[in-house]
Amino acid sequence: MFSRFVLRIWKPKTQFTSLNSIKGFSFSSINPKPKIRVGVWWDLDNKPPASFPPYDAAVKLRTAASSFGSVKLMMAYANRHAFSYVPLEVREQRKDRKLLNQLENKGLVKPPEPYFCGVCDRRFYTNEKLINHFKQIHETENQKRMRQIESSKGHQRVRLVAKYSMKIEKYKRAARNILTPKEGYGLADELKRAGFWVKMVSDKPEAADKALKEHLVEMMDKREVECVVLVSDDSDYAGILWEAKERCLRTVVIGDSNEGALKRVADVAYSWKEVVMGKAKKEVEKVVGKWNDRDVLKKLEWSYDPALEKERGGSCGVWDYEFDYDCDDDEIENGTEVEIGDGGDWWKIDTEDGVGSSRPCR
């Protein structure tokens, strides 16, 4: 009885199971195949998001690029004029909003729902009262916080940033819907909010194109990306796309020009409408399948490399075979001439009677 009690104590409760017995387990899940690294380059001078809000366009673009692999880099280039430009649709919306504010102040129009402050949740029945309240109280408070952070250094600065981070973020979210940007329509801030790295170039002609090409070549030299997504309609980028294809990179172009030179060079091309509708995400399996087939055929292709062939077996056309003859060393030393092939044709087999046989060898 005591022995049974001891066995019950020392009996292991856990049972080890093999990995193969687990349903749905595979060793490929431990070491999955790495995804293709995708880089996005956006020429804002040539292709600004005029027909869509900047943030929504950037998010849709990132979603379309992520369908081809893992997005590692998102760059946007433009000069000062691109960030200060306001599209026609945005200008019309601002005119309508200004007219509506005048009607609300006169009491001719009443909003269906009151306006809420995104920071303190106060209610206002006119949009201008909400704007005045936001500027006088919350904008002043935010400027005070920013001055306090800029004047501090070291550990104190880190502590203040951590203390005010939630309040600053809440203020920025409310300011996007209430305050009108002083310059442009918030293009740079909206793209940064979507995850893009925005770089402002000089006002010289073709400055954005030059900066984009230089950065793209640098990334190709470092082999940071395997897929290039270019947002532009400028045919000057055809040369850089050809170079990317020669380096066996996958190329995608997004633009509205149906007969552009870029779409003829690139592997895949989409318009802004197709990107917003999600067409790129639907066709990703077919496109990636074509790319994989191309990579397999590229590996099977043979090309003559003189240096490589010389290392492998010397120059072409040189025979390095040795023939062994059944002759004595004495005959070779005495200079006796040895005749080869006196027994008849080489394809005939001699029998004991000396008669040639043409039976095939098995």
Protein backbone atom coordinates (compact mmCIF):
# COMPACT_ATOMS: atom_id res chain seq x y z
CA MET A 1 0.00 0.00 0.00
CA PHE A 2 2.87 2.32 0.81
CA SER A 3 4.54 1.56 -2.54
CA ARG A 4 1.36 2.46 -4.43
CA PHE A 5 1.23 5.75 -2.59
CA VAL A 6 4.83 6.53 -3.56
CA LEU A 7 4.18 5.69 -7.22
CA ARG A 8 1.15 7.95 -7.23
CA ILE A 9 3.30 10.83 -5.96
CA TRP A 10 6.13 10.39 -8.46
CA LYS A 11 3.96 9.63 -11.49
CA PRO A 12 4.37 12.47 -14.03
CA LYS A 13 1.11 14.17 -14.89
CA THR A 14 2.21 15.68 -18.19
CA GLN A 15 2.50 13.56 -21.28
CA PHE A 16 4.84 14.47 -24.07
CA THR A 17 3.43 14.39 -27.57
CA SER A 18 5.37 14.45 -30.78
CA LEU A 19 5.25 17.50 -33.03
CA ASN A 20 3.91 15.44 -35.91
CA SER A 21 0.87 14.41 -33.86
CA ILE A 22 -0.24 18.03 -33.45
CA LYS A 23 -2.93 18.86 -35.98
CA GLY A 24 -1.95 21.55 -38.41
CA PHE A 25 1.68 21.66 -37.31
CA SER A 26 4.41 21.92 -39.91
CA PHE A 27 8.09 22.72 -39.68
CA SER A 28 7.58 25.44 -42.30
CA SER A 29 5.61 27.37 -39.66
CA ILE A 30 8.76 27.48 -37.49
CA ASN A 31 10.91 28.94 -40.25
CA PRO A 32 8.46 30.65 -42.59
CA LYS A 33 9.60 31.95 -45.95
CA PRO A 34 10.58 35.62 -45.60
CA LYS A 35 8.26 38.07 -47.28
CA ILE A 36 9.32 40.29 -50.14
CA ARG A 37 10.55 43.68 -48.93
CA VAL A 38 8.57 46.47 -50.60
CA GLY A 39 9.55 50.11 -50.96
CA VAL A 40 7.13 52.91 -51.93
CA TRP A 41 8.33 56.10 -53.64
CA TRP A 42 5.76 58.86 -54.17
CA ASP A 43 6.38 61.84 -56.46
CA LEU A 44 4.03 64.43 -54.98
CA ASP A 45 5.00 67.08 -57.53
CA ASN A 46 3.66 64.92 -60.34
CA LYS A 47 0.98 62.92 -58.51
CA PRO A 48 -0.58 64.71 -55.53
CA PRO A 49 -3.71 63.18 -53.95
CA ALA A 50 -6.03 65.80 -55.42
CA SER A 51 -9.18 63.65 -55.73
CA PHE A 52 -8.86 61.95 -52.31
CA PRO A 53 -8.05 63.17 -48.79
CA PRO A 54 -4.29 62.86 -48.14
CA TYR A 55 -4.55 60.51 -45.18
CA ASP A 56 -7.09 58.20 -46.86
CA ALA A 57 -5.02 58.09 -50.06
CA ALA A 58 -1.85 57.26 -48.11
CA VAL A 59 -3.56 54.48 -46.15
CA LYS A 60 -5.02 52.96 -49.33
CA LEU A 61 -1.61 53.14 -50.98
CA ARG A 62 0.05 51.41 -48.05
CA THR A 63 -2.61 48.67 -48.09
CA ALA A 64 -2.08 48.08 -51.81
CA ALA A 65 1.72 47.92 -51.37
CA SER A 66 1.44 45.51 -48.43
CA SER A 67 -0.39 43.01 -50.65
CA PHE A 68 2.89 42.46 -52.56
CA GLY A 69 5.00 41.86 -49.43
CA SER A 70 6.24 43.54 -46.27
CA VAL A 71 6.41 47.33 -46.60
CA LYS A 72 9.81 48.45 -45.30
CA LEU A 73 10.04 51.98 -46.70
CA MET A 74 7.57 54.73 -47.69
CA MET A 75 8.99 57.96 -49.09
CA ALA A 76 7.27 61.07 -50.47
CA TYR A 77 9.13 63.88 -52.27
CA ALA A 78 7.88 67.38 -53.09
CA ASN A 79 8.91 71.01 -53.07
CA ARG A 80 7.37 73.87 -51.11
CA HIS A 81 4.74 74.64 -53.77
CA ALA A 82 3.24 71.14 -53.57
CA PHE A 83 2.65 71.48 -49.82
CA SER A 84 1.17 74.98 -50.12
CA TYR A 85 -1.18 74.11 -53.00
CA VAL A 86 -4.87 73.65 -52.19
CA PRO A 87 -7.01 71.53 -54.57
CA LEU A 88 -10.15 72.96 -56.12
CA GLU A 89 -12.45 70.63 -54.19
CA VAL A 90 -10.95 71.70 -50.86
CA ARG A 91 -11.31 75.37 -51.76
CA GLU A 92 -14.98 74.86 -52.62
CA GLN A 93 -15.57 73.07 -49.32
CA ARG A 94 -13.98 75.94 -47.44
CA LYS A 95 -16.20 78.47 -49.25
CA ASP A 96 -19.32 76.47 -48.38
CA ARG A 97 -18.22 76.18 -44.75
CA LYS A 98 -17.63 79.93 -44.54
CA LEU A 99 -21.09 80.67 -45.98
CA LEU A 100 -22.69 78.20 -43.56
CA ASN A 101 -20.96 79.86 -40.61
CA GLN A 102 -22.39 83.23 -41.61
CA LEU A 103 -25.91 81.78 -41.80
CA GLU A 104 -25.51 80.11 -38.40
CA ASN A 105 -24.35 83.36 -36.80
CA LYS A 106 -27.43 85.19 -38.15
CA GLY A 107 -29.71 82.44 -36.88
CA LEU A 108 -31.01 81.56 -40.33
CA VAL A 109 -29.66 78.00 -40.19
CA LYS A 110 -29.61 75.71 -37.18
CA PRO A 111 -27.31 72.65 -37.18
CA PRO A 112 -29.07 69.30 -36.73
CA GLU A 113 -26.61 68.37 -33.96
CA PRO A 114 -24.48 70.61 -31.75
CA TYR A 115 -20.74 70.87 -32.35
CA PHE A 116 -18.55 69.06 -29.81
CA CYS A 117 -15.09 70.05 -28.72
CA GLY A 118 -12.71 67.13 -29.18
CA VAL A 119 -10.69 68.06 -26.07
CA CYS A 120 -13.19 69.03 -23.37
CA ASP A 121 -16.45 67.73 -24.96
CA ARG A 122 -18.27 71.05 -24.60
CA ARG A 123 -21.28 71.74 -26.86
CA PHE A 124 -21.63 74.70 -29.22
CA TYR A 125 -24.50 75.57 -31.57
CA THR A 126 -22.36 77.51 -34.03
CA ASN A 127 -19.11 76.45 -35.64
CA GLU A 128 -17.44 79.84 -35.12
CA LYS A 129 -17.99 79.67 -31.34
CA LEU A 130 -16.34 76.26 -31.31
CA ILE A 131 -13.36 77.59 -33.28
CA ASN A 132 -12.95 80.60 -31.01
CA HIS A 133 -13.17 78.39 -27.91
CA PHE A 134 -10.59 75.98 -29.30
CA LYS A 135 -8.12 78.71 -30.23
CA GLN A 136 -8.44 80.70 -27.00
CA ILE A 137 -8.18 77.77 -24.57
CA HIS A 138 -6.81 74.58 -26.05
CA GLU A 139 -4.44 76.04 -28.63
CA THR A 140 -2.94 78.31 -25.98
CA GLU A 141 -2.53 75.36 -23.60
CA ASN A 142 -0.81 73.28 -26.27
CA GLN A 143 1.61 76.08 -27.14
CA LYS A 144 2.47 76.40 -23.45
CA ARG A 145 3.22 72.67 -23.23
CA MET A 146 5.40 72.74 -26.34
CA ARG A 147 7.42 75.71 -25.04
CA GLN A 148 7.91 73.93 -21.75
CA ILE A 149 9.20 70.79 -23.52
CA GLU A 150 11.52 72.75 -25.81
CA SER A 151 13.06 74.70 -22.94
CA SER A 152 13.82 71.57 -20.90
CA LYS A 153 16.76 69.18 -21.41
CA GLY A 154 17.88 65.72 -20.46
CA HIS A 155 15.81 63.65 -18.06
CA GLN A 156 13.39 66.50 -17.43
CA ARG A 157 12.56 66.70 -21.15
CA VAL A 158 11.89 62.96 -21.32
CA ARG A 159 9.62 63.20 -18.27
CA LEU A 160 7.62 66.09 -19.76
CA VAL A 161 7.20 64.34 -23.12
CA ALA A 162 5.85 61.26 -21.35
CA LYS A 163 3.59 63.43 -19.19
CA TYR A 164 2.04 65.46 -22.04
CA SER A 165 2.06 62.84 -24.83
CA MET A 166 -1.61 61.84 -24.38
CA LYS A 167 -2.80 65.45 -24.18
CA ILE A 168 -0.78 66.49 -27.25
CA GLU A 169 -2.13 63.60 -29.28
CA LYS A 170 -5.71 64.39 -28.22
CA TYR A 171 -5.20 68.02 -29.21
CA LYS A 172 -3.85 67.04 -32.66
CA ARG A 173 -6.83 64.79 -33.37
CA ALA A 174 -9.28 67.56 -32.46
CA ALA A 175 -7.35 70.25 -34.38
CA ARG A 176 -7.55 68.29 -37.66
CA ASN A 177 -11.35 68.63 -37.68
CA ILE A 178 -11.64 72.16 -36.25
CA LEU A 179 -8.71 74.31 -37.32
CA THR A 180 -7.90 75.16 -40.92
CA PRO A 181 -4.21 74.71 -41.82
CA LYS A 182 -2.42 78.02 -42.19
CA GLU A 183 -0.72 76.84 -45.38
CA GLY A 184 -2.01 74.27 -47.85
CA TYR A 185 -4.45 71.67 -46.63
CA GLY A 186 -2.26 69.64 -44.25
CA LEU A 187 -0.65 67.41 -46.88
CA ALA A 188 2.65 66.81 -45.09
CA ASP A 189 1.10 66.21 -41.66
CA GLU A 190 -1.48 63.81 -43.04
CA LEU A 191 1.11 61.77 -44.92
CA LYS A 192 3.32 61.59 -41.84
CA ARG A 193 0.35 60.42 -39.83
CA ALA A 194 -0.13 57.59 -42.34
CA GLY A 195 3.48 56.46 -41.92
CA PHE A 196 5.23 58.18 -44.85
CA TRP A 197 8.62 59.82 -44.60
CA VAL A 198 8.04 63.23 -46.22
CA LYS A 199 11.05 65.05 -47.64
CA MET A 200 10.88 68.62 -48.90
CA VAL A 201 13.30 69.42 -51.71
CA SER A 202 14.42 72.72 -53.22
CA ASP A 203 12.30 74.71 -55.66
CA LYS A 204 14.64 73.97 -58.56
CA PRO A 205 13.07 72.16 -61.53
CA GLU A 206 13.26 68.35 -61.37
CA ALA A 207 14.63 68.51 -57.82
CA ALA A 208 12.13 65.95 -56.54
CA ASP A 209 12.85 63.60 -59.46
CA LYS A 210 16.59 63.74 -58.82
CA ALA A 211 16.23 63.12 -55.07
CA LEU A 212 13.85 60.22 -55.65
CA LYS A 213 16.14 58.55 -58.21
CA GLU A 214 19.22 58.92 -56.02
CA HIS A 215 17.50 57.37 -53.03
CA LEU A 216 16.05 54.55 -55.14
CA VAL A 217 19.48 53.69 -56.58
CA GLU A 218 20.97 53.75 -53.09
CA MET A 219 18.36 51.28 -51.84
CA MET A 220 18.97 49.01 -54.83
CA ASP A 221 22.72 49.07 -54.24
CA LYS A 222 22.23 48.11 -50.60
CA ARG A 223 19.62 45.47 -51.61
CA GLU A 224 17.14 46.81 -49.09
CA VAL A 225 14.04 46.09 -51.21
CA GLU A 226 12.95 43.46 -53.73
CA CYS A 227 9.83 45.27 -54.99
CA VAL A 228 9.61 48.92 -56.11
CA VAL A 229 6.25 50.74 -56.01
CA LEU A 230 6.40 54.06 -57.85
CA VAL A 231 3.56 56.60 -57.68
CA SER A 232 3.97 58.90 -60.66
CA ASP A 233 3.06 59.55 -64.29
CA ASP A 234 6.39 61.12 -65.20
CA SER A 235 8.02 59.23 -68.09
CA ASP A 236 11.49 60.32 -66.89
CA TYR A 237 11.39 57.44 -64.39
CA ALA A 238 11.35 54.83 -67.18
CA GLY A 239 15.14 54.54 -67.08
CA ILE A 240 15.26 53.84 -63.35
CA LEU A 241 12.51 51.23 -63.73
CA TRP A 242 14.52 49.49 -66.47
CA GLU A 243 17.50 49.42 -64.15
CA ALA A 244 15.36 47.91 -61.38
CA LYS A 245 14.15 45.18 -63.73
CA GLU A 246 17.72 44.41 -64.84
CA ARG A 247 18.55 43.89 -61.18
CA CYS A 248 15.68 41.35 -60.99
CA LEU A 249 13.48 43.64 -58.87
CA ARG A 250 9.71 43.62 -59.15
CA THR A 251 8.18 46.90 -60.30
CA VAL A 252 4.71 48.35 -59.71
CA VAL A 253 3.47 51.72 -61.03
CA ILE A 254 0.46 53.66 -59.75
CA GLY A 255 -0.78 56.51 -61.92
CA ASP A 256 -3.71 57.74 -63.97
CA SER A 257 -1.99 57.87 -67.37
CA ASN A 258 -3.33 54.87 -69.31
CA GLU A 259 -0.77 55.04 -72.13
CA GLY A 260 2.24 56.20 -70.14
CA ALA A 261 5.77 54.93 -70.64
CA LEU A 262 5.98 53.80 -67.02
CA LYS A 263 3.11 51.35 -67.35
CA ARG A 264 4.73 49.78 -70.41
CA VAL A 265 7.98 49.21 -68.52
CA ALA A 266 6.60 48.09 -65.15
CA ASP A 267 5.46 44.58 -64.35
CA VAL A 268 2.10 45.75 -62.94
CA ALA A 269 0.26 49.08 -63.25
CA TYR A 270 -2.78 50.45 -61.42
CA SER A 271 -4.71 53.71 -61.35
CA TRP A 272 -5.72 55.62 -58.23
CA LYS A 273 -9.30 54.43 -58.65
CA GLU A 274 -8.18 50.79 -58.76
CA VAL A 275 -6.05 51.28 -55.65
CA VAL A 276 -8.94 52.81 -53.70
CA MET A 277 -11.30 50.03 -54.84
CA GLY A 278 -8.83 47.37 -53.69
CA LYS A 279 -8.10 45.85 -57.09
CA ALA A 280 -4.40 45.42 -56.28
CA LYS A 281 -5.23 43.30 -53.26
CA LYS A 282 -7.57 41.07 -55.28
CA GLU A 283 -5.05 40.36 -58.04
CA VAL A 284 -2.06 39.81 -55.76
CA GLU A 285 -2.07 36.01 -56.08
CA LYS A 286 -2.04 36.12 -59.87
CA VAL A 287 0.69 38.77 -59.97
CA VAL A 288 2.91 37.04 -57.40
CA GLY A 289 2.44 33.74 -59.27
CA LYS A 290 3.73 35.31 -62.48
CA TRP A 291 6.72 36.74 -60.61
CA ASN A 292 7.55 33.33 -59.12
CA ASP A 293 7.35 31.67 -62.55
CA ARG A 294 9.66 34.32 -63.97
CA ASP A 295 12.17 33.74 -61.18
CA VAL A 296 12.16 30.00 -61.84
CA LEU A 297 12.73 30.51 -65.58
CA LYS A 298 15.49 32.98 -64.83
CA LYS A 299 17.32 30.34 -62.82
CA LEU A 300 16.97 27.81 -65.64
CA GLU A 301 18.41 30.13 -68.27
CA TRP A 302 22.01 29.45 -69.35
CA SER A 303 24.38 32.20 -70.26
CA TYR A 304 27.99 31.87 -71.34
CA ASP A 305 30.46 33.45 -68.94
CA PRO A 306 34.05 33.23 -70.27
CA ALA A 307 35.66 33.75 -66.88
CA LEU A 308 33.48 31.11 -65.24
CA GLU A 309 34.02 28.59 -68.04
CA LYS A 310 37.77 29.13 -67.84
CA GLU A 311 37.73 28.39 -64.12
CA ARG A 312 35.66 25.25 -64.61
CA GLY A 313 37.45 23.46 -67.45
CA GLY A 314 39.75 25.70 -69.42
CA SER A 315 39.07 27.21 -72.81
CA CYS A 316 36.44 25.73 -75.06
CA GLY A 317 37.61 23.23 -77.73
CA VAL A 318 40.66 21.85 -75.91
CA TRP A 319 40.49 18.07 -75.45
CA ASP A 320 42.16 16.57 -72.44
CA TYR A 321 41.57 12.87 -73.00
CA GLU A 322 44.12 10.06 -72.62
CA PHE A 323 44.00 6.89 -74.75
CA ASP A 324 45.36 3.62 -73.41
CA TYR A 325 46.76 1.15 -75.93
CA ASP A 326 47.45 -2.50 -75.19
CA CYS A 327 51.07 -2.57 -76.26
CA ASP A 328 54.27 -3.51 -74.54
CA ASP A 329 56.68 -0.94 -73.22
CA ASP A 330 59.52 -2.65 -75.12
CA GLU A 331 57.82 -2.01 -78.45
CA ILE A 332 57.37 1.64 -77.65
CA GLU A 333 60.97 1.99 -76.57
CA ASN A 334 62.28 0.26 -79.71
CA GLY A 335 60.23 2.56 -81.91
CA THR A 336 58.01 -0.22 -83.21
CA GLU A 337 54.93 1.17 -84.91
CA VAL A 338 51.71 -0.13 -83.40
CA GLU A 339 48.76 -0.44 -85.72
CA ILE A 340 45.27 0.01 -84.39
CA GLY A 341 42.17 -1.45 -85.99
CA ASP A 342 43.73 -4.35 -87.96
CA GLY A 343 41.12 -6.76 -86.62
CA GLY A 344 38.34 -5.25 -88.73
CA ASP A 345 35.74 -2.63 -88.16
CA TRP A 346 35.33 -1.46 -84.62
CA TRP A 347 31.60 -2.09 -84.54
CA LYS A 348 31.97 -5.77 -85.37
CA ILE A 349 32.77 -8.33 -82.72
CA ASP A 350 35.25 -11.10 -83.59
CA THR A 351 34.21 -14.65 -82.81
CA GLU A 352 36.44 -17.63 -82.26
CA ASP A 353 36.22 -18.61 -85.97
CA GLY A 354 37.36 -15.19 -87.02
CA VAL A 355 33.99 -14.29 -88.46
CA GLY A 356 32.67 -10.85 -87.64
CA SER A 357 29.35 -10.58 -85.89
CA SER A 358 27.09 -7.61 -85.98
CA ARG A 359 24.99 -8.48 -82.99
CA PRO A 360 24.46 -5.56 -80.69
CA CYS A 361 26.07 -5.71 -77.30
CA ARG A 362 23.74 -6.05 -74.43
